[in-house]
Amino acid sequence: MLFRSPRVPGTTFTDVFPKQVPFADGHLLVPEGPGLGVEFDEEAFAGLDPYQPDRGRYFLRDDGAYTNW
């Protein structure tokens, strides 16, 4: 079964996560080094704006949850 994601893994928030889990041929790969294969840049994260939902692509449900359909 192929990995399905709205974005190609390793291409999102590359400034906050300069090293991400390897991905090839539709599969996440096991990292060759120690750990999970992810690095986190705290300074880049601190510089991000607070989360604001993209109301153009999502719909607000009656219970306050968001859905994309």
C-alpha atoms as a PDB file:
ATOM      1  CA  MET A   1       0.000   0.000   0.000  1.00  0.00           C
ATOM      2  CA  LEU A   2       1.351   3.415  -0.937  1.00  0.00           C
ATOM      3  CA  PHE A   3       1.600   6.285   1.521  1.00  0.00           C
ATOM      4  CA  ARG A   4      -1.135   8.859   0.904  1.00  0.00           C
ATOM      5  CA  SER A   5      -0.763  12.425   2.054  1.00  0.00           C
ATOM      6  CA  PRO A   6      -2.043  15.807   0.881  1.00  0.00           C
ATOM      7  CA  ARG A   7       1.610  16.924   0.624  1.00  0.00           C
ATOM      8  CA  VAL A   8       4.758  15.061  -0.328  1.00  0.00           C
ATOM      9  CA  PRO A   9       6.559  14.144   2.914  1.00  0.00           C
ATOM     10  CA  GLY A  10       9.684  16.202   3.493  1.00  0.00           C
ATOM     11  CA  THR A  11       8.362  19.291   1.679  1.00  0.00           C
ATOM     12  CA  THR A  12       6.370  20.934   4.479  1.00  0.00           C
ATOM     13  CA  PHE A  13       7.897  23.383   6.986  1.00  0.00           C
ATOM     14  CA  THR A  14      11.410  22.690   5.752  1.00  0.00           C
ATOM     15  CA  ASP A  15      12.719  25.693   7.716  1.00  0.00           C
ATOM     16  CA  VAL A  16      11.340  24.257  10.995  1.00  0.00           C
ATOM     17  CA  PHE A  17      12.220  20.640  10.129  1.00  0.00           C
ATOM     18  CA  PRO A  18      15.466  20.904   8.111  1.00  0.00           C
ATOM     19  CA  LYS A  19      15.883  17.111   8.183  1.00  0.00           C
ATOM     20  CA  GLN A  20      12.763  14.989   7.721  1.00  0.00           C
ATOM     21  CA  VAL A  21      11.982  11.290   7.380  1.00  0.00           C
ATOM     22  CA  PRO A  22      13.229   9.976   4.013  1.00  0.00           C
ATOM     23  CA  PHE A  23      10.549   9.288   1.401  1.00  0.00           C
ATOM     24  CA  ALA A  24      10.840   7.492  -1.954  1.00  0.00           C
ATOM     25  CA  ASP A  25       8.575   5.563  -4.328  1.00  0.00           C
ATOM     26  CA  GLY A  26       5.476   6.221  -2.240  1.00  0.00           C
ATOM     27  CA  HIS A  27       6.975   4.951   1.022  1.00  0.00           C
ATOM     28  CA  LEU A  28       8.500   6.455   4.136  1.00  0.00           C
ATOM     29  CA  LEU A  29      11.965   4.957   4.553  1.00  0.00           C
ATOM     30  CA  VAL A  30      13.702   3.836   7.720  1.00  0.00           C
ATOM     31  CA  PRO A  31      16.351   6.432   8.634  1.00  0.00           C
ATOM     32  CA  GLU A  32      19.947   5.214   8.427  1.00  0.00           C
ATOM     33  CA  GLY A  33      21.199   7.247  11.393  1.00  0.00           C
ATOM     34  CA  PRO A  34      20.179   7.172  15.051  1.00  0.00           C
ATOM     35  CA  GLY A  35      16.786   8.466  16.154  1.00  0.00           C
ATOM     36  CA  LEU A  36      13.709   9.109  14.066  1.00  0.00           C
ATOM     37  CA  GLY A  37      15.548  10.967  11.314  1.00  0.00           C
ATOM     38  CA  VAL A  38      13.961  14.333  12.108  1.00  0.00           C
ATOM     39  CA  GLU A  39      15.628  17.581  13.209  1.00  0.00           C
ATOM     40  CA  PHE A  40      13.717  20.490  14.748  1.00  0.00           C
ATOM     41  CA  ASP A  41      14.806  24.150  14.543  1.00  0.00           C
ATOM     42  CA  GLU A  42      13.355  25.933  17.592  1.00  0.00           C
ATOM     43  CA  GLU A  43      14.317  29.418  16.353  1.00  0.00           C
ATOM     44  CA  ALA A  44      12.477  28.915  13.053  1.00  0.00           C
ATOM     45  CA  PHE A  45       9.459  27.597  14.960  1.00  0.00           C
ATOM     46  CA  ALA A  46       9.423  30.603  17.306  1.00  0.00           C
ATOM     47  CA  GLY A  47       9.331  32.900  14.265  1.00  0.00           C
ATOM     48  CA  LEU A  48       6.116  31.384  12.873  1.00  0.00           C
ATOM     49  CA  ASP A  49       2.823  33.228  13.144  1.00  0.00           C
ATOM     50  CA  PRO A  50       0.204  31.678  15.443  1.00  0.00           C
ATOM     51  CA  TYR A  51      -2.065  29.139  13.735  1.00  0.00           C
ATOM     52  CA  GLN A  52      -4.911  30.628  11.739  1.00  0.00           C
ATOM     53  CA  PRO A  53      -7.198  28.106  10.037  1.00  0.00           C
ATOM     54  CA  ASP A  54      -7.515  28.473   6.278  1.00  0.00           C
ATOM     55  CA  ARG A  55     -11.222  29.136   6.094  1.00  0.00           C
ATOM     56  CA  GLY A  56     -11.187  29.052   2.302  1.00  0.00           C
ATOM     57  CA  ARG A  57     -10.549  25.313   2.096  1.00  0.00           C
ATOM     58  CA  TYR A  58     -12.328  24.094   5.208  1.00  0.00           C
ATOM     59  CA  PHE A  59     -15.850  24.240   6.524  1.00  0.00           C
ATOM     60  CA  LEU A  60     -16.784  24.836  10.135  1.00  0.00           C
ATOM     61  CA  ARG A  61     -19.091  22.172  11.570  1.00  0.00           C
ATOM     62  CA  ASP A  62     -21.830  22.928  14.101  1.00  0.00           C
ATOM     63  CA  ASP A  63     -19.683  21.439  16.895  1.00  0.00           C
ATOM     64  CA  GLY A  64     -16.772  23.786  16.074  1.00  0.00           C
ATOM     65  CA  ALA A  65     -14.671  21.167  14.265  1.00  0.00           C
ATOM     66  CA  TYR A  66     -13.273  21.737  10.767  1.00  0.00           C
ATOM     67  CA  THR A  67     -13.745  19.458   7.813  1.00  0.00           C
ATOM     68  CA  ASN A  68     -12.502  19.639   4.233  1.00  0.00           C
ATOM     69  CA  TRP A  69     -15.823  18.463   2.737  1.00  0.00           C
END
